[in-house]
Amino acid sequence: MSKSTQAVPVIALVGLALCSLSSSLAGPLTPLNLEDLISKSQLIVVGEVVSLRERGTTEMVMSSGKVSAWIMEGELDVRAVLKGSSNSQTISIHFLLPQLPTGIPGVGMHSCRTFFLKGAGNALEFTNPFYPSVISVPDTPISGADVITRVIDQVGAVLNSAKASPNQKLEAISVLRRTKNPAAHAALRRAIHEKDQSARLDAIAALLERNDISALSIAEAALMKAQQDVPEHILHNVRYAIGWGVTDEKAIPILARMIGASNAETRRAATLALWHTGSSAALKHLSVALDDSEFEVRYYAIVGLAEISGQRAWRPNMDEFKLDEKRYLKHWLEWRKTHSSSLSSSPLAFLSY
């Protein structure tokens, strides 16, 4: 299969992204790795930026070359310590801030965050200049047995907060989806009951990426009817998660209904998931997708049929399919006709083919 056609999830990377004094920045921006960020941090605190000062100008090196930057100094008001130790309620941080737009937003004042720091004394800087902090909620109890659980609890509390905005909840979900830790999974499960539809569906997408189909019926309802109040990128995340995350054959009845959706991306996601179940019970529904008007739906239907039935000789890559679609389609349409009774009665009957 050609990976050039594979969709990618649209995940907003929201938050404070700054350049530390010792960092030369190379791109592109890599996804957040929460475990790695925690491991490399000497001090992790929950707090807020209470002051910022400019201390001059310098140059910083990025992948695109040198850019002018302000030398910044700030203070964090520490509410809780999740890793390391701090003898003061206020700690100083130092970082560089580009003077021209670089895709790196500035510091947000007076918002509760969990900050990841390295260094000592008055020489503290952000562990990762692109991910200096993640969102938190003030006064969240510290109860986790290990550091990552404590950090996840801070993020997860945002989803339970009546004061958190929809964008803040989406930010929390974007952090939780980047770790497979059970505490993150539990927090996403709780978000299934979120009132804001966008946050709710994005949390469901994160669960579907983990092959957790407990809320697949909610995703189905959202995708099978027009959702005027949900941004398209959220619906894209749900479709991506279904297509590339769902492998549980228990999802087949819902996926079978989704291949009848009016939206081509939804049909494509359902066809991909039917293939990825690897189940003979998916064959009947994959054979229906051979008649789809959309090229990629037909392609993934054929790939799924070939792999599940063991007919590797009739499993084209994308380029082969583009060059000779009629040949492959003819074979599988004839196969469907020959096996119509078997597909209707017993999904295992075809395996002797």
Protein backbone atom coordinates (compact mmCIF):
# COMPACT_ATOMS: atom_id res chain seq x y z
CA MET A 1 0.00 0.00 0.00
CA SER A 2 1.30 3.40 -0.86
CA LYS A 3 1.63 5.57 2.22
CA SER A 4 1.48 8.77 0.19
CA THR A 5 -2.31 8.71 0.28
CA GLN A 6 -2.58 8.02 4.00
CA ALA A 7 -4.37 10.73 5.93
CA VAL A 8 -2.98 12.10 9.17
CA PRO A 9 -4.84 13.26 12.24
CA VAL A 10 -5.20 16.98 12.75
CA ILE A 11 -4.00 17.51 16.30
CA ALA A 12 -3.70 21.05 17.60
CA LEU A 13 -0.41 21.58 19.40
CA VAL A 14 -1.59 24.24 21.80
CA GLY A 15 0.29 25.85 24.65
CA LEU A 16 3.46 27.69 25.52
CA ALA A 17 6.23 26.95 23.07
CA LEU A 18 9.41 28.83 23.85
CA CYS A 19 13.13 28.71 23.06
CA SER A 20 15.52 28.11 25.93
CA LEU A 21 18.80 30.02 26.04
CA SER A 22 20.94 26.96 25.41
CA SER A 23 18.87 25.58 22.53
CA SER A 24 19.47 25.77 18.84
CA LEU A 25 16.17 24.84 17.27
CA ALA A 26 15.86 22.30 14.52
CA GLY A 27 12.65 21.37 12.78
CA PRO A 28 10.28 20.02 11.99
CA LEU A 29 8.44 20.03 15.31
CA THR A 30 8.21 16.47 16.60
CA PRO A 31 5.15 15.19 18.48
CA LEU A 32 5.05 15.54 22.24
CA ASN A 33 6.59 12.57 24.06
CA LEU A 34 5.36 13.00 27.61
CA GLU A 35 7.39 10.16 29.09
CA ASP A 36 10.60 11.48 27.52
CA LEU A 37 9.86 15.04 28.63
CA ILE A 38 9.31 13.89 32.22
CA SER A 39 12.46 11.75 32.20
CA LYS A 40 14.66 14.64 31.02
CA SER A 41 13.20 17.20 33.43
CA GLN A 42 14.93 17.86 36.73
CA LEU A 43 12.06 19.90 38.11
CA ILE A 44 8.35 19.70 37.25
CA VAL A 45 6.05 22.21 38.89
CA VAL A 46 2.46 23.32 38.67
CA GLY A 47 2.19 27.08 38.66
CA GLU A 48 1.69 30.23 36.65
CA VAL A 49 3.86 32.90 35.03
CA VAL A 50 3.48 35.99 37.21
CA SER A 51 6.06 38.31 35.61
CA LEU A 52 8.09 38.70 32.42
CA ARG A 53 10.98 41.03 31.62
CA GLU A 54 13.08 41.70 28.54
CA ARG A 55 16.83 41.59 29.24
CA GLY A 56 18.20 42.51 25.82
CA THR A 57 18.49 40.98 22.38
CA THR A 58 20.52 38.23 20.75
CA GLU A 59 20.36 35.76 17.88
CA MET A 60 19.01 32.24 18.03
CA VAL A 61 19.66 29.45 15.57
CA MET A 62 16.70 27.67 14.01
CA SER A 63 16.50 25.19 11.15
CA SER A 64 15.74 28.08 8.79
CA GLY A 65 18.79 30.06 9.98
CA LYS A 66 19.51 32.72 12.58
CA VAL A 67 16.68 34.92 13.84
CA SER A 68 16.68 37.90 16.18
CA ALA A 69 15.29 37.20 19.63
CA TRP A 70 14.61 38.87 22.92
CA ILE A 71 16.36 37.55 26.02
CA MET A 72 13.52 36.99 28.45
CA GLU A 73 13.37 36.43 32.17
CA GLY A 74 10.28 35.47 34.13
CA GLU A 75 8.99 34.22 37.44
CA LEU A 76 6.81 31.23 38.11
CA ASP A 77 4.54 31.12 41.13
CA VAL A 78 4.81 27.48 42.24
CA ARG A 79 1.58 25.82 43.40
CA ALA A 80 2.83 22.22 43.59
CA VAL A 81 5.98 20.22 42.84
CA LEU A 82 5.51 17.00 40.85
CA LYS A 83 9.21 16.09 40.46
CA GLY A 84 12.36 17.36 42.13
CA SER A 85 12.35 19.98 44.86
CA SER A 86 12.03 23.72 45.17
CA ASN A 87 12.87 25.76 48.24
CA SER A 88 10.97 28.80 47.03
CA GLN A 89 7.40 29.50 46.02
CA THR A 90 8.71 31.74 43.22
CA ILE A 91 11.35 30.50 40.78
CA SER A 92 13.12 32.28 37.92
CA ILE A 93 13.23 31.04 34.33
CA HIS A 94 15.23 32.23 31.33
CA PHE A 95 14.42 31.78 27.64
CA LEU A 96 14.63 33.35 24.20
CA LEU A 97 11.62 34.75 22.36
CA PRO A 98 11.84 35.27 18.54
CA GLN A 99 11.10 38.82 17.41
CA LEU A 100 9.47 37.69 14.16
CA PRO A 101 6.77 35.03 13.65
CA THR A 102 8.35 31.57 13.69
CA GLY A 103 5.42 29.36 14.68
CA ILE A 104 6.50 29.60 18.32
CA PRO A 105 3.87 31.46 20.39
CA GLY A 106 4.82 33.63 23.32
CA VAL A 107 4.34 33.15 27.04
CA GLY A 108 0.86 33.25 28.51
CA MET A 109 0.56 35.16 31.76
CA HIS A 110 -1.49 33.99 34.72
CA SER A 111 -2.66 30.65 33.35
CA CYS A 112 -2.20 27.46 35.33
CA ARG A 113 0.32 25.11 33.69
CA THR A 114 2.60 22.21 34.53
CA PHE A 115 6.14 23.35 33.65
CA PHE A 116 9.05 21.08 32.72
CA LEU A 117 12.40 22.53 33.74
CA LYS A 118 16.10 21.71 33.87
CA GLY A 119 19.10 23.43 35.43
CA ALA A 120 19.61 24.57 38.99
CA GLY A 121 19.31 27.64 41.16
CA ASN A 122 18.77 30.78 39.11
CA ALA A 123 19.68 29.06 35.82
CA LEU A 124 16.43 27.20 35.18
CA GLU A 125 15.23 26.81 31.61
CA PHE A 126 12.62 24.77 29.79
CA THR A 127 13.53 21.12 29.24
CA ASN A 128 12.11 21.17 25.71
CA PRO A 129 11.75 24.62 24.11
CA PHE A 130 8.80 23.43 22.03
CA TYR A 131 6.95 21.84 24.97
CA PRO A 132 7.73 23.89 28.07
CA SER A 133 4.41 23.13 29.73
CA VAL A 134 1.08 21.37 29.59
CA ILE A 135 -2.27 22.64 30.77
CA SER A 136 -3.42 22.17 34.37
CA VAL A 137 -6.18 23.24 36.74
CA PRO A 138 -5.45 25.25 39.91
CA ASP A 139 -5.44 23.35 43.19
CA THR A 140 -5.72 19.84 41.70
CA PRO A 141 -4.79 17.33 44.44
CA ILE A 142 -1.44 15.53 44.03
CA SER A 143 -2.09 11.85 44.52
CA GLY A 144 -0.33 9.79 41.84
CA ALA A 145 2.19 7.17 42.92
CA ASP A 146 4.64 8.12 40.14
CA VAL A 147 5.51 11.31 38.28
CA ILE A 148 3.74 10.54 35.02
CA THR A 149 0.51 9.72 36.84
CA ARG A 150 0.76 12.99 38.74
CA VAL A 151 1.29 14.93 35.50
CA ILE A 152 -1.57 13.12 33.76
CA ASP A 153 -3.86 13.80 36.72
CA GLN A 154 -3.16 17.52 36.32
CA VAL A 155 -4.06 17.40 32.63
CA GLY A 156 -7.06 15.13 33.14
CA ALA A 157 -8.49 17.50 35.75
CA VAL A 158 -9.03 20.04 32.95
CA LEU A 159 -11.64 17.71 31.43
CA ASN A 160 -13.53 17.62 34.72
CA SER A 161 -13.39 21.36 35.32
CA ALA A 162 -16.53 23.43 34.83
CA LYS A 163 -14.30 26.52 34.45
CA ALA A 164 -12.16 25.13 31.60
CA SER A 165 -12.98 26.44 28.13
CA PRO A 166 -13.61 24.12 25.17
CA ASN A 167 -10.18 25.04 23.74
CA GLN A 168 -8.51 24.20 27.03
CA LYS A 169 -10.22 20.81 27.03
CA LEU A 170 -9.08 20.17 23.47
CA GLU A 171 -5.55 21.02 24.57
CA ALA A 172 -5.81 18.54 27.43
CA ILE A 173 -6.98 15.83 25.03
CA SER A 174 -4.08 16.55 22.66
CA VAL A 175 -1.68 15.86 25.55
CA LEU A 176 -3.46 12.73 26.79
CA ARG A 177 -3.57 11.15 23.33
CA ARG A 178 0.26 11.30 23.21
CA THR A 179 0.74 8.72 25.96
CA LYS A 180 -0.51 5.15 26.34
CA ASN A 181 -0.39 5.36 30.12
CA PRO A 182 -3.51 3.81 31.76
CA ALA A 183 -4.17 7.03 33.68
CA ALA A 184 -4.49 8.93 30.38
CA HIS A 185 -6.82 6.26 29.03
CA ALA A 186 -9.03 6.55 32.12
CA ALA A 187 -9.16 10.35 31.78
CA LEU A 188 -10.20 10.06 28.12
CA ARG A 189 -12.91 7.57 29.08
CA ARG A 190 -14.35 10.11 31.51
CA ALA A 191 -14.41 12.71 28.72
CA ILE A 192 -16.99 10.62 26.82
CA HIS A 193 -19.55 12.39 29.00
CA GLU A 194 -18.20 15.88 28.21
CA LYS A 195 -20.97 18.35 27.31
CA ASP A 196 -18.96 20.19 24.67
CA GLN A 197 -19.42 18.17 21.48
CA SER A 198 -16.02 18.95 20.00
CA ALA A 199 -14.12 17.93 23.13
CA ARG A 200 -16.29 14.86 23.50
CA LEU A 201 -15.66 13.68 19.94
CA ASP A 202 -11.94 14.44 20.10
CA ALA A 203 -11.65 12.35 23.27
CA ILE A 204 -13.55 9.55 21.52
CA ALA A 205 -11.12 9.82 18.60
CA ALA A 206 -8.20 9.42 21.01
CA LEU A 207 -9.85 6.29 22.42
CA LEU A 208 -10.53 4.87 18.97
CA GLU A 209 -6.85 5.34 18.11
CA ARG A 210 -6.23 2.90 20.99
CA ASN A 211 -8.80 0.45 19.58
CA ASP A 212 -11.17 1.30 22.44
CA ILE A 213 -14.57 1.06 20.72
CA SER A 214 -16.69 1.72 23.81
CA ALA A 215 -17.95 4.99 22.29
CA LEU A 216 -17.92 4.00 18.61
CA SER A 217 -21.70 4.33 18.42
CA ILE A 218 -21.40 8.01 19.42
CA ALA A 219 -18.82 8.52 16.68
CA GLU A 220 -21.12 6.79 14.21
CA ALA A 221 -24.01 9.10 15.07
CA ALA A 222 -21.80 12.16 14.58
CA LEU A 223 -20.41 10.99 11.24
CA MET A 224 -23.64 9.73 9.73
CA LYS A 225 -25.44 13.06 10.03
CA ALA A 226 -24.39 16.65 9.43
CA GLN A 227 -22.73 18.19 12.48
CA GLN A 228 -23.04 21.94 12.10
CA ASP A 229 -21.51 22.66 15.53
CA VAL A 230 -18.39 20.49 15.18
CA PRO A 231 -15.29 21.73 13.30
CA GLU A 232 -14.33 19.60 10.31
CA HIS A 233 -10.87 18.85 11.71
CA ILE A 234 -12.48 17.17 14.74
CA LEU A 235 -14.57 14.95 12.47
CA HIS A 236 -11.40 14.22 10.48
CA ASN A 237 -9.69 13.08 13.69
CA VAL A 238 -12.59 10.71 14.38
CA ARG A 239 -12.45 9.26 10.87
CA TYR A 240 -8.68 8.87 11.01
CA ALA A 241 -8.91 7.11 14.37
CA ILE A 242 -11.51 4.66 13.06
CA GLY A 243 -9.57 3.88 9.90
CA TRP A 244 -6.14 3.44 11.47
CA GLY A 245 -6.91 2.58 15.08
CA VAL A 246 -9.88 0.20 15.14
CA THR A 247 -9.10 -3.51 14.77
CA ASP A 248 -11.71 -5.05 17.08
CA GLU A 249 -14.08 -7.30 15.13
CA LYS A 250 -16.86 -6.34 17.54
CA ALA A 251 -16.93 -3.04 15.65
CA ILE A 252 -17.98 -4.72 12.37
CA PRO A 253 -21.77 -4.12 12.64
CA ILE A 254 -21.23 -0.37 13.10
CA LEU A 255 -18.54 -0.23 10.42
CA ALA A 256 -20.90 -2.01 8.03
CA ARG A 257 -23.46 0.75 8.48
CA MET A 258 -20.80 3.42 8.00
CA ILE A 259 -19.84 2.21 4.53
CA GLY A 260 -23.24 3.57 3.50
CA ALA A 261 -22.42 7.11 4.69
CA SER A 262 -22.76 10.03 2.29
CA ASN A 263 -19.30 11.33 3.20
CA ALA A 264 -16.49 9.64 1.25
CA GLU A 265 -13.92 10.03 4.04
CA THR A 266 -16.28 8.28 6.46
CA ARG A 267 -16.76 5.41 4.01
CA ARG A 268 -13.01 5.21 3.52
CA ALA A 269 -12.43 5.04 7.29
CA ALA A 270 -15.01 2.28 7.70
CA THR A 271 -13.49 0.26 4.84
CA LEU A 272 -10.00 0.62 6.30
CA ALA A 273 -11.21 -0.53 9.71
CA LEU A 274 -13.07 -3.50 8.23
CA TRP A 275 -9.81 -4.54 6.56
CA HIS A 276 -7.81 -4.00 9.77
CA THR A 277 -10.10 -6.27 11.79
CA GLY A 278 -8.67 -9.17 9.78
CA SER A 279 -11.95 -10.95 10.38
CA SER A 280 -13.78 -13.14 7.90
CA ALA A 281 -16.96 -11.49 9.16
CA ALA A 282 -15.82 -8.31 7.40
CA LEU A 283 -15.70 -9.91 3.93
CA LYS A 284 -19.36 -9.43 3.10
CA HIS A 285 -19.17 -5.72 3.87
CA LEU A 286 -15.86 -5.23 2.08
CA SER A 287 -17.39 -6.81 -1.01
CA VAL A 288 -20.20 -4.25 -0.87
CA ALA A 289 -17.57 -1.48 -0.89
CA LEU A 290 -16.36 -2.69 -4.31
CA ASP A 291 -19.29 -0.72 -5.78
CA ASP A 292 -18.32 2.55 -4.09
CA SER A 293 -17.96 5.66 -6.24
CA GLU A 294 -14.75 6.69 -4.48
CA PHE A 295 -11.44 5.29 -5.76
CA GLU A 296 -9.71 4.76 -2.39
CA VAL A 297 -12.75 3.05 -0.89
CA ARG A 298 -12.65 0.52 -3.73
CA TYR A 299 -8.89 0.11 -3.30
CA TYR A 300 -9.03 -0.55 0.45
CA ALA A 301 -11.95 -2.92 -0.07
CA ILE A 302 -9.83 -4.98 -2.48
CA VAL A 303 -6.81 -4.93 -0.17
CA GLY A 304 -8.97 -6.09 2.72
CA LEU A 305 -10.58 -8.85 0.68
CA ALA A 306 -7.20 -10.07 -0.57
CA GLU A 307 -5.51 -10.09 2.82
CA ILE A 308 -8.35 -11.66 4.78
CA SER A 309 -9.02 -14.33 2.15
CA GLY A 310 -5.33 -15.06 1.69
CA GLN A 311 -5.26 -14.13 -2.01
CA ARG A 312 -2.03 -12.13 -1.97
CA ALA A 313 -1.63 -12.37 -5.75
CA TRP A 314 -4.74 -10.18 -6.07
CA ARG A 315 -3.61 -7.61 -3.51
CA PRO A 316 -2.25 -4.63 -5.52
CA ASN A 317 -0.32 -1.69 -4.19
CA MET A 318 -1.82 1.70 -4.90
CA ASP A 319 0.21 2.33 -8.04
CA GLU A 320 -0.68 -1.06 -9.50
CA PHE A 321 -4.33 -0.44 -8.79
CA LYS A 322 -4.24 2.96 -10.48
CA LEU A 323 -2.68 1.43 -13.59
CA ASP A 324 -5.04 -1.54 -13.89
CA GLU A 325 -8.07 -1.06 -11.68
CA LYS A 326 -10.43 -2.82 -14.10
CA ARG A 327 -8.43 -6.06 -13.93
CA TYR A 328 -8.47 -6.23 -10.12
CA LEU A 329 -12.05 -5.08 -9.84
CA LYS A 330 -13.19 -7.69 -12.36
CA HIS A 331 -11.53 -10.46 -10.34
CA TRP A 332 -13.13 -9.40 -7.06
CA LEU A 333 -16.55 -8.80 -8.52
CA GLU A 334 -16.46 -12.32 -9.96
CA TRP A 335 -15.24 -13.64 -6.60
CA ARG A 336 -18.15 -11.88 -4.87
CA LYS A 337 -20.63 -13.40 -7.31
CA THR A 338 -19.15 -16.89 -6.89
CA HIS A 339 -19.14 -16.64 -3.10
CA SER A 340 -22.39 -14.72 -2.59
CA SER A 341 -24.14 -17.56 -0.80
CA SER A 342 -21.13 -18.29 1.41
CA LEU A 343 -20.75 -14.65 2.36
CA SER A 344 -24.40 -14.45 3.33
CA SER A 345 -24.45 -17.63 5.39
CA SER A 346 -21.00 -18.49 6.76
CA PRO A 347 -18.07 -16.08 6.72
CA LEU A 348 -15.64 -19.02 6.96
CA ALA A 349 -16.85 -20.90 3.90
CA PHE A 350 -14.63 -19.02 1.43
CA LEU A 351 -11.36 -19.92 3.14
CA SER A 352 -10.84 -23.04 1.06
CA TYR A 353 -10.76 -20.89 -2.08
